Every structure is written in structure tokens, then in C-alpha cells.
Protein backbone atom coordinates (compact mmCIF):
# COMPACT_ATOMS: atom_id res chain seq x y z
CA MET A 1 0.18 -9.29 120.91
CA THR A 2 -1.81 -8.22 117.92
CA ARG A 3 -3.24 -4.72 117.75
CA ASN A 4 -6.48 -4.12 115.92
CA TRP A 5 -6.44 -0.70 114.09
CA ARG A 6 -9.77 0.84 113.56
CA TRP A 7 -10.29 3.66 111.08
CA SER A 8 -13.22 5.88 111.55
CA GLY A 9 -14.85 7.44 108.53
CA GLY A 10 -13.69 10.89 109.61
CA SER A 11 -10.02 9.85 110.00
CA LEU A 12 -9.93 8.14 106.62
CA GLY A 13 -11.45 11.17 104.94
CA LEU A 14 -8.84 13.47 106.50
CA VAL A 15 -5.94 11.28 105.33
CA LEU A 16 -7.31 11.10 101.79
CA ALA A 17 -7.81 14.87 101.66
CA MET A 18 -4.23 15.49 102.80
CA SER A 19 -2.89 13.06 100.21
CA VAL A 20 -4.82 14.72 97.38
CA ALA A 21 -3.66 18.16 98.46
CA ALA A 22 -0.02 17.06 98.56
CA CYS A 23 -0.22 15.56 95.09
CA SER A 24 -1.98 18.56 93.61
CA ARG A 25 0.54 21.15 94.73
CA GLU A 26 2.25 22.75 91.75
CA ALA A 27 6.03 22.57 91.72
CA PRO A 28 7.73 25.99 91.75
CA ALA A 29 8.54 27.32 88.30
CA PRO A 30 12.19 26.82 87.37
CA LYS A 31 14.32 29.94 87.37
CA PRO A 32 15.52 31.06 83.91
CA PRO A 33 19.26 30.65 83.38
CA ALA A 34 21.44 33.70 83.92
CA GLY A 35 21.40 35.99 80.90
CA ALA A 36 18.28 34.42 79.43
CA ARG A 37 15.94 36.75 77.52
CA VAL A 38 12.64 37.53 79.23
CA PRO A 39 9.76 36.80 76.82
CA GLY A 40 8.70 39.97 75.05
CA ALA A 41 11.82 41.92 76.05
CA VAL A 42 13.50 44.10 73.41
CA ALA A 43 17.16 44.96 73.88
CA ALA A 44 18.98 47.97 72.49
CA ASP A 45 20.95 45.59 70.26
CA ASP A 46 17.70 44.42 68.63
CA ILE A 47 17.04 47.85 67.09
CA PRO A 48 19.10 49.00 64.07
CA VAL A 49 21.22 52.14 64.40
CA ALA A 50 19.46 55.23 63.05
CA HIS A 51 21.10 57.73 60.71
CA THR A 52 20.30 61.18 59.37
CA PRO A 53 18.31 61.00 56.12
CA ALA A 54 19.71 62.73 53.06
CA GLY A 55 19.36 66.49 53.46
CA GLY A 56 18.38 66.19 57.14
CA TYR A 57 14.99 65.25 58.55
CA GLY A 58 13.48 68.73 58.16
CA LEU A 59 11.25 70.47 60.69
CA THR A 60 9.45 67.37 62.04
CA PHE A 61 11.08 64.67 64.14
CA PRO A 62 11.13 61.22 62.53
CA PRO A 63 9.35 58.38 64.39
CA PRO A 64 11.04 57.37 67.66
CA VAL A 65 13.87 54.87 67.33
CA LEU A 66 13.92 53.19 70.75
CA ALA A 67 10.20 53.14 71.56
CA ARG A 68 10.13 49.30 71.59
CA CYS A 69 13.21 48.92 73.78
CA THR A 70 12.59 47.55 77.29
CA GLU A 71 16.08 47.69 78.82
CA PRO A 72 16.40 49.88 81.92
CA LEU A 73 18.89 52.74 81.84
CA VAL A 74 22.41 51.77 82.85
CA GLU A 75 23.74 52.83 86.22
CA GLY A 76 25.05 56.41 86.18
CA ALA A 77 22.97 57.57 83.22
CA PRO A 78 21.15 60.90 83.55
CA ASP A 79 17.50 60.54 82.51
CA LEU A 80 17.40 62.93 79.57
CA ARG A 81 14.48 61.29 77.80
CA GLY A 82 12.07 63.76 76.26
CA ILE A 83 11.67 66.73 73.96
CA TRP A 84 13.72 69.75 75.01
CA ARG A 85 13.27 73.40 73.99
CA ALA A 86 15.78 76.17 74.64
CA ILE A 87 14.68 78.79 77.18
CA ARG A 88 17.98 80.52 78.09
CA ALA A 89 21.38 80.83 76.48
CA GLN A 90 24.72 82.46 77.17
CA ARG A 91 27.61 83.05 74.83
CA GLU A 92 30.96 84.27 76.14
CA GLY A 93 29.26 84.64 79.54
CA GLU A 94 26.65 87.09 78.22
CA PRO A 95 22.95 86.42 77.52
CA VAL A 96 22.28 85.58 73.89
CA PRO A 97 20.03 88.32 72.41
CA ALA A 98 16.39 87.54 71.74
CA GLY A 99 15.73 86.45 68.17
CA ASP A 100 18.86 84.31 67.95
CA TYR A 101 18.50 80.95 66.21
CA ILE A 102 19.24 79.08 69.44
CA TYR A 103 15.85 80.06 70.91
CA SER A 104 14.12 78.08 68.18
CA TYR A 105 16.25 75.02 68.87
CA VAL A 106 14.44 71.81 69.90
CA GLU A 107 15.85 68.32 70.35
CA ARG A 108 14.47 64.92 71.31
CA ILE A 109 16.44 62.38 73.32
CA GLU A 110 15.68 58.66 73.63
CA GLN A 111 17.55 56.30 75.94
CA CYS A 112 17.53 52.55 76.56
CA GLY A 113 20.25 50.58 78.33
CA ASP A 114 23.43 52.46 77.46
CA ARG A 115 22.10 53.52 74.06
CA ILE A 116 21.10 57.12 73.39
CA VAL A 117 19.54 58.72 70.31
CA ASP A 118 19.60 62.53 70.07
CA MET A 119 17.69 64.25 67.27
CA GLY A 120 18.21 67.97 66.76
CA GLY A 121 18.96 70.45 64.01
CA GLY A 122 17.91 67.95 61.34
CA THR A 123 20.44 65.28 62.35
CA ILE A 124 20.27 61.99 64.25
CA ALA A 125 23.07 61.03 66.64
CA ASP A 126 22.74 57.37 67.66
CA ALA A 127 25.37 55.85 69.95
CA ARG A 128 26.12 53.62 72.90
CA ALA A 129 27.38 55.67 75.84
CA ASP A 130 30.15 53.21 76.61
CA GLY A 131 33.17 55.33 75.64
CA SER A 132 34.06 53.13 72.67
CA PHE A 133 34.86 54.04 69.08
CA ALA A 134 32.96 50.97 67.90
CA HIS A 135 29.68 52.40 69.23
CA ALA A 136 30.38 56.09 68.59
CA VAL A 137 28.12 58.47 66.67
CA LYS A 138 28.96 58.00 63.00
CA ASP A 139 26.80 60.35 61.03
CA VAL A 140 26.91 63.71 59.25
CA SER A 141 27.48 67.32 60.29
CA VAL A 142 24.56 69.60 61.14
CA TRP A 143 26.16 72.28 58.98
CA ASP A 144 25.68 70.61 55.59
CA TYR A 145 24.20 67.12 56.24
CA THR A 146 26.98 65.58 54.17
CA THR A 147 30.34 65.95 55.98
CA PRO A 148 31.05 62.74 57.95
CA ILE A 149 31.49 63.14 61.70
CA GLN A 150 32.29 60.84 64.60
CA ALA A 151 31.85 61.41 68.33
CA VAL A 152 32.49 59.02 71.22
CA ALA A 153 29.67 58.95 73.78
CA SER A 154 29.85 58.26 77.52
CA TYR A 155 28.05 58.81 80.81
CA GLU A 156 30.34 60.31 83.43
CA GLU A 157 29.02 61.30 86.86
CA ARG A 158 25.49 61.54 85.44
CA VAL A 159 26.57 63.76 82.56
CA PHE A 160 26.12 62.77 78.90
CA ILE A 161 29.35 63.55 77.08
CA LEU A 162 30.21 63.58 73.37
CA ARG A 163 33.88 63.83 72.45
CA PRO A 164 34.32 64.61 68.74
CA VAL A 165 36.89 62.75 66.71
CA LEU A 166 38.83 65.49 64.93
CA MET A 167 40.19 63.26 62.17
CA ASN A 168 37.88 60.42 61.15
CA ALA A 169 40.83 58.43 59.84
CA LEU A 170 42.57 58.65 63.24
CA PRO A 171 40.28 57.32 65.98
CA PHE A 172 41.35 59.26 69.05
CA THR A 173 39.75 61.86 71.29
CA ILE A 174 41.00 64.45 73.78
CA SER A 175 39.57 64.28 77.31
CA TRP A 176 38.76 68.02 77.55
CA LEU A 177 37.37 68.23 74.02
CA LYS A 178 33.71 67.59 74.80
CA VAL A 179 30.08 68.63 74.46
CA THR A 180 28.00 67.95 77.57
CA ARG A 181 24.36 67.58 78.60
CA ARG A 182 23.27 67.30 82.22
CA LEU A 183 20.27 67.96 84.44
CA ASP A 184 20.27 70.92 86.83
CA ALA A 185 18.51 71.17 90.20
CA ASP A 186 15.30 72.38 88.50
CA GLY A 187 15.11 69.43 86.12
CA HIS A 188 16.22 71.49 83.12
CA MET A 189 18.88 70.22 80.74
CA VAL A 190 22.07 72.25 80.46
CA TRP A 191 23.91 71.86 77.15
CA THR A 192 27.43 73.20 76.71
CA ARG A 193 29.16 73.84 73.37
CA PRO A 194 32.56 75.41 74.07
CA ASP A 195 33.35 75.51 70.36
CA ARG A 196 30.44 77.87 69.65
CA GLY A 197 31.62 80.86 71.64
CA HIS A 198 31.41 79.18 75.04
CA LEU A 199 27.72 78.50 74.38
CA VAL A 200 25.68 77.32 77.39
CA VAL A 201 22.00 76.56 76.70
CA THR A 202 19.30 75.73 79.25
CA LEU A 203 16.39 73.71 77.88
CA GLU A 204 13.03 72.76 79.39
CA ARG A 205 11.33 69.41 78.85
CA VAL A 206 8.18 69.96 76.78
CA GLY A 207 7.32 66.40 75.75
CA SER A 208 8.17 62.74 76.10
CA ALA A 209 10.71 60.71 74.14
CA THR A 210 7.93 59.23 72.00
CA ASP A 211 6.10 62.47 71.19
CA GLY A 212 6.20 64.13 67.81
CA TYR A 213 7.13 67.76 67.27
CA THR A 214 7.32 70.19 64.36
CA ARG A 215 9.41 73.35 64.56
CA GLN A 216 7.85 76.51 63.19
CA ASP A 217 11.19 78.25 62.61
CA ALA A 218 13.10 76.89 59.62
CA ARG A 219 16.34 78.78 60.31
CA ARG A 220 19.61 76.84 60.36
CA PRO A 221 22.56 77.38 62.71
CA ASP A 222 25.47 79.41 61.42
CA GLY A 223 29.19 79.24 62.15
CA GLY A 224 30.05 76.08 60.24
CA PRO A 225 32.55 75.68 57.41
CA GLN A 226 31.82 77.57 54.24
CA PRO A 227 30.95 75.50 51.16
CA GLY A 228 34.15 74.41 49.45
CA SER A 229 36.37 75.45 52.37
CA SER A 230 39.01 73.20 53.91
CA GLN A 231 37.59 70.73 56.41
CA LEU A 232 41.02 70.45 57.99
CA LEU A 233 41.18 74.19 58.70
CA TYR A 234 37.66 74.11 60.12
CA ARG A 235 38.54 71.24 62.45
CA LEU A 236 41.67 73.03 63.60
CA ARG A 237 39.60 76.13 64.35
CA MET A 238 37.17 73.95 66.31
CA LEU A 239 40.05 72.45 68.29
CA TRP A 240 41.35 75.95 69.07
CA ALA A 241 37.88 77.03 70.21
CA PHE A 242 37.64 74.08 72.61
CA TYR A 243 41.17 74.72 73.87
CA THR A 244 40.62 78.40 74.59
CA ALA A 245 37.29 77.66 76.27
CA ARG A 246 39.05 75.12 78.51
CA ASN A 247 41.71 77.60 79.52
CA ASP A 248 39.15 80.33 80.21
CA ALA A 249 36.98 78.08 82.38
């Protein structure tokens, strides 16, 4: 038996429309391979490490270092990005008197990925907070802008920690020898410097990490090594200050 198929104009039109639609569908875009760079992304590794200019940067912050970086903060990092100004300070458990240099202190922190750049006191500390010596701060002291210093950076329980290397020729740190920055419940940053008379400073955020700022007070911190004095003796005194602060805590 032979069947005679008849196509109506409406049926033929429907089939053709379905065929055209199927052919015109766009194939899904292929997924980029794992680890591939997203177009336009800027990683922390793409930006050169910043260093303190000769004689310090003065009263005005230099241009931001990590402004182009697009990496998100690493897990466990406190978000300290911004300009911070001191509002309260204690030394040896007592309020620091009004008029002290610390009340004119301002710093700016930039973060991207595990990289952190902290500008304050005329110096630039640029590091990766990964606990390694390879990515430690390698710059100069705030006291004279010439003495080399190193400090290993890390994020530990949402606290930014710097552990100074006492002897630059011997790359080791001591776990309790540390300077810390963390956020409190009010969103202020709490900065501890046990080597400066158990100094604890509370700072408020007054700007973003890309804002400029010029200090009006040109005073410098005191308490550093005297010109021409032994750096070894100064570092031993610093170690003793950290040690006594640890035992008193």
C-alpha cells in the first residue's frame, strides 16, 4: 500500500521555522581553562613593589600603589583599606597625653589579594601577607629613612601581623615578636607596638585607600637609635622591649 503525504502550507512553514531556529541558536561560550587570566584583570604580581623614596615621602602620601589591582582579598584578611588617623592612644596602660606626636599620626593601607601596602611616618611597607621571607617588607627604618629593615607579614585570625627580623643577615623571626593591626567592634583599627612602651593606638578611617592626604604636623616620632649609635644595641633593646611587654601581658 502506498501512502500519499500531503503537506499543507501551514505545516511546511512551521517545519521551516523550527529548522531555522535550531540552526541559528548560538553555541554556549567555552569555559576558560582553570587559572586563565580574565581579560582586563590586574594581579598583585603585575604591580612592582613600592619602596620608600630617599629621605621619606614627606607630609603627602605618594600616589596609590595597588589602585589598578583587581584581585579580591584572600580568605582571612581583615579589610584595613583606607586612610587611618589616630584618635586614642595608651602607653604603659595609661592614656597618652594630648599633644603627643602619635595624635598627628596618619597612615594609608592598600590591599589586593594577599598583598598589603602600608604608608605611614614617611615610609612605605610593601609585602605579601603570606608569612614568607621572600615577600617580606624590605625597606628602611622610620627613624632615619636609611637603616635597612625587614619584617615578615601575615594574616592570622583576621589580624595583620608584622614580625621584624632582628638581624637582616639572619632571616628568622620570633612568634611573639610582632606588631599587629586589627579591626575592633566599632570598625576602628587597633595598632599595637609593644616595643614603644606597650603602645596601643586606636585609629578611625577618614578616607579610602585611593585618597590623597597631607599631614599638617611635620613632627617625627622619637625613641629610635641615636645617629652614630650601635644598631646592634638598638635591636637588642627592641627585643627586650618586646619580651617584657609579652611577659606583662
